[in-house]
Every structure is written in C-alpha cells, then in structure tokens.
Amino acid sequence: MPTDRLGLLREDGIGPEIVDATLHVLGAAEQRQPHPDFAALEGCDAWLLGPHDSPSYPESERAKLNPSGELRRRFDL
C-alpha cells in the first residue's frame, strides 16, 4: 500500500486544536483503511465531505461532476 508523508505545522490560534483533531481522525482512518464509495454512503446517517479544489483536478476529471455535485445528483439533494 502506498504511503504519503505529511508535514505538520500547528501554528497558533485554533491551529493546535484543529491539527490535533485532524491527527485523531487520520489515526482512526489509518486503522480502518476505509475505501468508501457512493453505495457505502447510502447506509450512513450523515457524511463529512471536506473542501475540494476542483481547478486542481487533472484535466481529464474537470469535465466530471466534483464530489459534492455528484452527491447532490445521486441523492437528490
């Protein structure tokens, strides 16, 4: 399985709280090795979708709906 190396800067203000919470979530996700898809979301009571940057998608993906648009279409939101 490929791994990614992430740099970490806590900064100040609410930064340390946000980074600590993010590390907690990443640790839990690492243990589960989740591979969710839209079918898996059907059984959920809620979803958490982080922000995405459509302009940075590869050119071949830009013509497709972005994740939030696909969720809206599939689940009639």
PDB file of N, CA and C in Angstrom:
ATOM      1  N   MET A   1       0.839  -1.166   0.000  1.00  0.00           N
ATOM      2  CA  MET A   1       0.000   0.000   0.000  1.00  0.00           C
ATOM      3  C   MET A   1       0.890   1.238   0.000  1.00  0.00           C
ATOM      4  N   PRO A   2       0.639   2.195  -0.875  1.00  0.00           N
ATOM      5  CA  PRO A   2       1.454   3.410  -0.901  1.00  0.00           C
ATOM      6  C   PRO A   2       1.224   4.247   0.355  1.00  0.00           C
ATOM      7  N   THR A   3       2.225   4.973   0.728  1.00  0.00           N
ATOM      8  CA  THR A   3       2.102   5.866   1.881  1.00  0.00           C
ATOM      9  C   THR A   3       2.427   7.280   1.443  1.00  0.00           C
ATOM     10  N   ASP A   4       1.916   8.221   2.202  1.00  0.00           N
ATOM     11  CA  ASP A   4       2.183   9.628   1.965  1.00  0.00           C
ATOM     12  C   ASP A   4       2.873  10.193   3.192  1.00  0.00           C
ATOM     13  N   ARG A   5       3.787  11.086   2.969  1.00  0.00           N
ATOM     14  CA  ARG A   5       4.444  11.787   4.064  1.00  0.00           C
ATOM     15  C   ARG A   5       3.835  13.165   4.157  1.00  0.00           C
ATOM     16  N   LEU A   6       3.388  13.523   5.338  1.00  0.00           N
ATOM     17  CA  LEU A   6       2.752  14.813   5.556  1.00  0.00           C
ATOM     18  C   LEU A   6       3.583  15.647   6.517  1.00  0.00           C
ATOM     19  N   GLY A   7       3.763  16.899   6.182  1.00  0.00           N
ATOM     20  CA  GLY A   7       4.385  17.830   7.115  1.00  0.00           C
ATOM     21  C   GLY A   7       3.325  18.350   8.061  1.00  0.00           C
ATOM     22  N   LEU A   8       3.709  18.805   9.214  1.00  0.00           N
ATOM     23  CA  LEU A   8       2.761  19.250  10.231  1.00  0.00           C
ATOM     24  C   LEU A   8       3.218  20.566  10.829  1.00  0.00           C
ATOM     25  N   LEU A   9       2.371  21.569  10.759  1.00  0.00           N
ATOM     26  CA  LEU A   9       2.617  22.868  11.380  1.00  0.00           C
ATOM     27  C   LEU A   9       1.384  23.228  12.201  1.00  0.00           C
ATOM     28  N   ARG A  10       1.524  23.271  13.511  1.00  0.00           N
ATOM     29  CA  ARG A  10       0.367  23.554  14.372  1.00  0.00           C
ATOM     30  C   ARG A  10       0.003  25.039  14.345  1.00  0.00           C
ATOM     31  N   GLU A  11       0.954  25.899  14.157  1.00  0.00           N
ATOM     32  CA  GLU A  11       0.763  27.346  14.146  1.00  0.00           C
ATOM     33  C   GLU A  11       0.176  27.836  15.468  1.00  0.00           C
ATOM     34  N   ASP A  12      -0.712  28.838  15.410  1.00  0.00           N
ATOM     35  CA  ASP A  12      -1.229  29.403  16.654  1.00  0.00           C
ATOM     36  C   ASP A  12      -2.742  29.576  16.564  1.00  0.00           C
ATOM     37  N   GLY A  13      -3.316  30.325  17.485  1.00  0.00           N
ATOM     38  CA  GLY A  13      -4.767  30.480  17.497  1.00  0.00           C
ATOM     39  C   GLY A  13      -5.435  29.122  17.714  1.00  0.00           C
ATOM     40  N   ILE A  14      -6.386  28.795  16.847  1.00  0.00           N
ATOM     41  CA  ILE A  14      -7.043  27.493  16.968  1.00  0.00           C
ATOM     42  C   ILE A  14      -6.297  26.405  16.210  1.00  0.00           C
ATOM     43  N   GLY A  15      -5.187  26.755  15.602  1.00  0.00           N
ATOM     44  CA  GLY A  15      -4.402  25.796  14.833  1.00  0.00           C
ATOM     45  C   GLY A  15      -4.079  24.514  15.579  1.00  0.00           C
ATOM     46  N   PRO A  16      -3.545  24.611  16.816  1.00  0.00           N
ATOM     47  CA  PRO A  16      -3.218  23.377  17.531  1.00  0.00           C
ATOM     48  C   PRO A  16      -4.441  22.477  17.750  1.00  0.00           C
ATOM     49  N   GLU A  17      -5.587  23.074  18.066  1.00  0.00           N
ATOM     50  CA  GLU A  17      -6.797  22.271  18.266  1.00  0.00           C
ATOM     51  C   GLU A  17      -7.227  21.579  16.970  1.00  0.00           C
ATOM     52  N   ILE A  18      -7.188  22.315  15.879  1.00  0.00           N
ATOM     53  CA  ILE A  18      -7.589  21.759  14.588  1.00  0.00           C
ATOM     54  C   ILE A  18      -6.639  20.644  14.170  1.00  0.00           C
ATOM     55  N   VAL A  19      -5.350  20.878  14.313  1.00  0.00           N
ATOM     56  CA  VAL A  19      -4.370  19.876  13.906  1.00  0.00           C
ATOM     57  C   VAL A  19      -4.481  18.632  14.786  1.00  0.00           C
ATOM     58  N   ASP A  20      -4.650  18.809  16.092  1.00  0.00           N
ATOM     59  CA  ASP A  20      -4.779  17.650  16.977  1.00  0.00           C
ATOM     60  C   ASP A  20      -6.013  16.820  16.621  1.00  0.00           C
ATOM     61  N   ALA A  21      -7.132  17.482  16.346  1.00  0.00           N
ATOM     62  CA  ALA A  21      -8.350  16.764  15.955  1.00  0.00           C
ATOM     63  C   ALA A  21      -8.145  16.057  14.621  1.00  0.00           C
ATOM     64  N   THR A  22      -7.463  16.710  13.702  1.00  0.00           N
ATOM     65  CA  THR A  22      -7.193  16.100  12.403  1.00  0.00           C
ATOM     66  C   THR A  22      -6.314  14.867  12.549  1.00  0.00           C
ATOM     67  N   LEU A  23      -5.310  14.952  13.386  1.00  0.00           N
ATOM     68  CA  LEU A  23      -4.440  13.797  13.625  1.00  0.00           C
ATOM     69  C   LEU A  23      -5.221  12.631  14.222  1.00  0.00           C
ATOM     70  N   HIS A  24      -6.160  12.936  15.103  1.00  0.00           N
ATOM     71  CA  HIS A  24      -7.004  11.896  15.700  1.00  0.00           C
ATOM     72  C   HIS A  24      -7.823  11.191  14.613  1.00  0.00           C
ATOM     73  N   VAL A  25      -8.436  11.967  13.734  1.00  0.00           N
ATOM     74  CA  VAL A  25      -9.238  11.399  12.642  1.00  0.00           C
ATOM     75  C   VAL A  25      -8.367  10.593  11.692  1.00  0.00           C
ATOM     76  N   LEU A  26      -7.211  11.122  11.329  1.00  0.00           N
ATOM     77  CA  LEU A  26      -6.314  10.390  10.432  1.00  0.00           C
ATOM     78  C   LEU A  26      -5.851   9.077  11.053  1.00  0.00           C
ATOM     79  N   GLY A  27      -5.589   9.093  12.345  1.00  0.00           N
ATOM     80  CA  GLY A  27      -5.187   7.866  13.026  1.00  0.00           C
ATOM     81  C   GLY A  27      -6.281   6.815  12.984  1.00  0.00           C
ATOM     82  N   ALA A  28      -7.523   7.240  13.204  1.00  0.00           N
ATOM     83  CA  ALA A  28      -8.644   6.302  13.145  1.00  0.00           C
ATOM     84  C   ALA A  28      -8.828   5.777  11.726  1.00  0.00           C
ATOM     85  N   ALA A  29      -8.710   6.653  10.744  1.00  0.00           N
ATOM     86  CA  ALA A  29      -8.864   6.226   9.348  1.00  0.00           C
ATOM     87  C   ALA A  29      -7.754   5.262   8.951  1.00  0.00           C
ATOM     88  N   GLU A  30      -6.570   5.494   9.453  1.00  0.00           N
ATOM     89  CA  GLU A  30      -5.452   4.614   9.144  1.00  0.00           C
ATOM     90  C   GLU A  30      -5.706   3.200   9.660  1.00  0.00           C
ATOM     91  N   GLN A  31      -6.340   3.099  10.815  1.00  0.00           N
ATOM     92  CA  GLN A  31      -6.635   1.788  11.388  1.00  0.00           C
ATOM     93  C   GLN A  31      -7.696   1.042  10.582  1.00  0.00           C
ATOM     94  N   ARG A  32      -8.643   1.773  10.002  1.00  0.00           N
ATOM     95  CA  ARG A  32      -9.742   1.142   9.272  1.00  0.00           C
ATOM     96  C   ARG A  32      -9.434   0.920   7.809  1.00  0.00           C
ATOM     97  N   GLN A  33      -8.510   1.668   7.254  1.00  0.00           N
ATOM     98  CA  GLN A  33      -8.213   1.600   5.821  1.00  0.00           C
ATOM     99  C   GLN A  33      -9.503   1.699   4.998  1.00  0.00           C
ATOM    100  N   PRO A  34     -10.289   2.770   5.213  1.00  0.00           N
ATOM    101  CA  PRO A  34     -11.592   2.845   4.526  1.00  0.00           C
ATOM    102  C   PRO A  34     -11.446   3.116   3.032  1.00  0.00           C
ATOM    103  N   HIS A  35     -12.342   2.566   2.277  1.00  0.00           N
ATOM    104  CA  HIS A  35     -12.443   2.828   0.853  1.00  0.00           C
ATOM    105  C   HIS A  35     -13.909   3.087   0.525  1.00  0.00           C
ATOM    106  N   PRO A  36     -14.461   4.207   1.025  1.00  0.00           N
ATOM    107  CA  PRO A  36     -15.885   4.443   0.818  1.00  0.00           C
ATOM    108  C   PRO A  36     -16.190   4.771  -0.633  1.00  0.00           C
ATOM    109  N   ASP A  37     -17.382   4.441  -1.042  1.00  0.00           N
ATOM    110  CA  ASP A  37     -17.874   4.847  -2.337  1.00  0.00           C
ATOM    111  C   ASP A  37     -19.304   5.338  -2.130  1.00  0.00           C
ATOM    112  N   PHE A  38     -19.952   5.766  -3.192  1.00  0.00           N
ATOM    113  CA  PHE A  38     -21.284   6.319  -3.050  1.00  0.00           C
ATOM    114  C   PHE A  38     -22.277   5.286  -2.527  1.00  0.00           C
ATOM    115  N   ALA A  39     -22.118   4.019  -2.881  1.00  0.00           N
ATOM    116  CA  ALA A  39     -23.008   2.980  -2.377  1.00  0.00           C
ATOM    117  C   ALA A  39     -22.873   2.845  -0.859  1.00  0.00           C
ATOM    118  N   ALA A  40     -21.654   2.972  -0.343  1.00  0.00           N
ATOM    119  CA  ALA A  40     -21.436   2.871   1.099  1.00  0.00           C
ATOM    120  C   ALA A  40     -22.103   4.021   1.837  1.00  0.00           C
ATOM    121  N   LEU A  41     -22.212   5.176   1.193  1.00  0.00           N
ATOM    122  CA  LEU A  41     -22.836   6.333   1.840  1.00  0.00           C
ATOM    123  C   LEU A  41     -24.332   6.149   2.042  1.00  0.00           C
ATOM    124  N   GLU A  42     -24.954   5.288   1.244  1.00  0.00           N
ATOM    125  CA  GLU A  42     -26.397   5.080   1.366  1.00  0.00           C
ATOM    126  C   GLU A  42     -26.784   4.586   2.751  1.00  0.00           C
ATOM    127  N   GLY A  43     -25.915   3.834   3.413  1.00  0.00           N
ATOM    128  CA  GLY A  43     -26.218   3.313   4.733  1.00  0.00           C
ATOM    129  C   GLY A  43     -25.844   4.239   5.869  1.00  0.00           C
ATOM    130  N   CYS A  44     -25.351   5.416   5.557  1.00  0.00           N
ATOM    131  CA  CYS A  44     -24.915   6.358   6.592  1.00  0.00           C
ATOM    132  C   CYS A  44     -26.035   7.316   6.973  1.00  0.00           C
ATOM    133  N   ASP A  45     -25.979   7.771   8.204  1.00  0.00           N
ATOM    134  CA  ASP A  45     -26.921   8.788   8.667  1.00  0.00           C
ATOM    135  C   ASP A  45     -26.459  10.186   8.307  1.00  0.00           C
ATOM    136  N   ALA A  46     -25.161  10.359   8.146  1.00  0.00           N
ATOM    137  CA  ALA A  46     -24.592  11.663   7.797  1.00  0.00           C
ATOM    138  C   ALA A  46     -23.263  11.426   7.101  1.00  0.00           C
ATOM    139  N   TRP A  47     -22.776  12.457   6.434  1.00  0.00           N
ATOM    140  CA  TRP A  47     -21.491  12.377   5.745  1.00  0.00           C
ATOM    141  C   TRP A  47     -20.656  13.573   6.142  1.00  0.00           C
ATOM    142  N   LEU A  48     -19.372  13.400   6.056  1.00  0.00           N
ATOM    143  CA  LEU A  48     -18.435  14.505   6.238  1.00  0.00           C
ATOM    144  C   LEU A  48     -17.633  14.603   4.956  1.00  0.00           C
ATOM    145  N   LEU A  49     -17.806  15.691   4.243  1.00  0.00           N
ATOM    146  CA  LEU A  49     -17.088  15.918   2.995  1.00  0.00           C
ATOM    147  C   LEU A  49     -16.233  17.159   3.166  1.00  0.00           C
ATOM    148  N   GLY A  50     -14.949  16.981   3.115  1.00  0.00           N
ATOM    149  CA  GLY A  50     -14.052  18.113   3.238  1.00  0.00           C
ATOM    150  C   GLY A  50     -14.066  18.963   1.972  1.00  0.00           C
ATOM    151  N   PRO A  51     -13.508  20.143   2.059  1.00  0.00           N
ATOM    152  CA  PRO A  51     -13.461  21.004   0.881  1.00  0.00           C
ATOM    153  C   PRO A  51     -12.588  20.389  -0.209  1.00  0.00           C
ATOM    154  N   HIS A  52     -12.915  20.715  -1.432  1.00  0.00           N
ATOM    155  CA  HIS A  52     -12.132  20.222  -2.557  1.00  0.00           C
ATOM    156  C   HIS A  52     -11.801  21.395  -3.471  1.00  0.00           C
ATOM    157  N   ASP A  53     -10.810  21.207  -4.267  1.00  0.00           N
ATOM    158  CA  ASP A  53     -10.312  22.262  -5.132  1.00  0.00           C
ATOM    159  C   ASP A  53     -10.435  21.786  -6.577  1.00  0.00           C
ATOM    160  N   SER A  54     -11.624  21.930  -7.135  1.00  0.00           N
ATOM    161  CA  SER A  54     -11.876  21.425  -8.489  1.00  0.00           C
ATOM    162  C   SER A  54     -10.862  21.901  -9.528  1.00  0.00           C
ATOM    163  N   PRO A  55     -10.430  23.175  -9.494  1.00  0.00           N
ATOM    164  CA  PRO A  55      -9.464  23.608 -10.510  1.00  0.00           C
ATOM    165  C   PRO A  55      -8.147  22.844 -10.494  1.00  0.00           C
ATOM    166  N   SER A  56      -7.801  22.221  -9.360  1.00  0.00           N
ATOM    167  CA  SER A  56      -6.538  21.490  -9.311  1.00  0.00           C
ATOM    168  C   SER A  56      -6.700  20.029  -9.736  1.00  0.00           C
ATOM    169  N   TYR A  57      -7.927  19.613 -10.074  1.00  0.00           N
ATOM    170  CA  TYR A  57      -8.142  18.249 -10.564  1.00  0.00           C
ATOM    171  C   TYR A  57      -7.411  18.077 -11.884  1.00  0.00           C
ATOM    172  N   PRO A  58      -7.015  16.853 -12.210  1.00  0.00           N
ATOM    173  CA  PRO A  58      -6.425  16.617 -13.531  1.00  0.00           C
ATOM    174  C   PRO A  58      -7.414  17.016 -14.628  1.00  0.00           C
ATOM    175  N   GLU A  59      -6.906  17.453 -15.734  1.00  0.00           N
ATOM    176  CA  GLU A  59      -7.746  17.937 -16.845  1.00  0.00           C
ATOM    177  C   GLU A  59      -8.844  16.933 -17.207  1.00  0.00           C
ATOM    178  N   SER A  60      -8.512  15.654 -17.213  1.00  0.00           N
ATOM    179  CA  SER A  60      -9.491  14.636 -17.597  1.00  0.00           C
ATOM    180  C   SER A  60     -10.651  14.529 -16.611  1.00  0.00           C
ATOM    181  N   GLU A  61     -10.459  14.983 -15.384  1.00  0.00           N
ATOM    182  CA  GLU A  61     -11.503  14.901 -14.354  1.00  0.00           C
ATOM    183  C   GLU A  61     -12.355  16.164 -14.283  1.00  0.00           C
ATOM    184  N   ARG A  62     -11.906  17.240 -14.859  1.00  0.00           N
ATOM    185  CA  ARG A  62     -12.604  18.521 -14.711  1.00  0.00           C
ATOM    186  C   ARG A  62     -13.965  18.553 -15.384  1.00  0.00           C
ATOM    187  N   ALA A  63     -14.168  17.760 -16.408  1.00  0.00           N
ATOM    188  CA  ALA A  63     -15.455  17.746 -17.090  1.00  0.00           C
ATOM    189  C   ALA A  63     -16.506  16.976 -16.296  1.00  0.00           C
ATOM    190  N   LYS A  64     -16.073  16.187 -15.324  1.00  0.00           N
ATOM    191  CA  LYS A  64     -16.994  15.409 -14.496  1.00  0.00           C
ATOM    192  C   LYS A  64     -17.512  16.268 -13.349  1.00  0.00           C
ATOM    193  N   LEU A  65     -18.587  15.806 -12.726  1.00  0.00           N
ATOM    194  CA  LEU A  65     -19.066  16.482 -11.524  1.00  0.00           C
ATOM    195  C   LEU A  65     -18.038  16.336 -10.413  1.00  0.00           C
ATOM    196  N   ASN A  66     -17.865  17.386  -9.618  1.00  0.00           N
ATOM    197  CA  ASN A  66     -16.994  17.276  -8.461  1.00  0.00           C
ATOM    198  C   ASN A  66     -17.715  16.438  -7.391  1.00  0.00           C
ATOM    199  N   PRO A  67     -17.029  16.034  -6.316  1.00  0.00           N
ATOM    200  CA  PRO A  67     -17.661  15.154  -5.328  1.00  0.00           C
ATOM    201  C   PRO A  67     -18.966  15.686  -4.753  1.00  0.00           C
ATOM    202  N   SER A  68     -19.030  16.958  -4.410  1.00  0.00           N
ATOM    203  CA  SER A  68     -20.268  17.486  -3.835  1.00  0.00           C
ATOM    204  C   SER A  68     -21.381  17.514  -4.875  1.00  0.00           C
ATOM    205  N   GLY A  69     -21.058  17.820  -6.108  1.00  0.00           N
ATOM    206  CA  GLY A  69     -22.063  17.790  -7.169  1.00  0.00           C
ATOM    207  C   GLY A  69     -22.580  16.385  -7.417  1.00  0.00           C
ATOM    208  N   GLU A  70     -21.683  15.412  -7.380  1.00  0.00           N
ATOM    209  CA  GLU A  70     -22.090  14.018  -7.566  1.00  0.00           C
ATOM    210  C   GLU A  70     -22.985  13.555  -6.422  1.00  0.00           C
ATOM    211  N   LEU A  71     -22.660  13.948  -5.195  1.00  0.00           N
ATOM    212  CA  LEU A  71     -23.526  13.606  -4.059  1.00  0.00           C
ATOM    213  C   LEU A  71     -24.905  14.214  -4.224  1.00  0.00           C
ATOM    214  N   ARG A  72     -24.958  15.471  -4.624  1.00  0.00           N
ATOM    215  CA  ARG A  72     -26.252  16.132  -4.819  1.00  0.00           C
ATOM    216  C   ARG A  72     -27.079  15.425  -5.895  1.00  0.00           C
ATOM    217  N   ARG A  73     -26.429  15.025  -6.969  1.00  0.00           N
ATOM    218  CA  ARG A  73     -27.152  14.355  -8.047  1.00  0.00           C
ATOM    219  C   ARG A  73     -27.631  12.976  -7.616  1.00  0.00           C
ATOM    220  N   ARG A  74     -26.741  12.188  -7.052  1.00  0.00           N
ATOM    221  CA  ARG A  74     -27.097  10.811  -6.673  1.00  0.00           C
ATOM    222  C   ARG A  74     -28.143  10.728  -5.588  1.00  0.00           C
ATOM    223  N   PHE A  75     -28.124  11.665  -4.639  1.00  0.00           N
ATOM    224  CA  PHE A  75     -29.026  11.610  -3.502  1.00  0.00           C
ATOM    225  C   PHE A  75     -30.129  12.667  -3.560  1.00  0.00           C
ATOM    226  N   ASP A  76     -30.303  13.263  -4.724  1.00  0.00           N
ATOM    227  CA  ASP A  76     -31.377  14.235  -4.961  1.00  0.00           C
ATOM    228  C   ASP A  76     -31.410  15.319  -3.875  1.00  0.00           C
ATOM    229  N   LEU A  77     -30.258  15.913  -3.637  1.00  0.00           N
ATOM    230  CA  LEU A  77     -30.146  16.955  -2.610  1.00  0.00           C
ATOM    231  C   LEU A  77     -30.299  18.334  -3.202  1.00  0.00           C
TER     232      LEU A  77
END
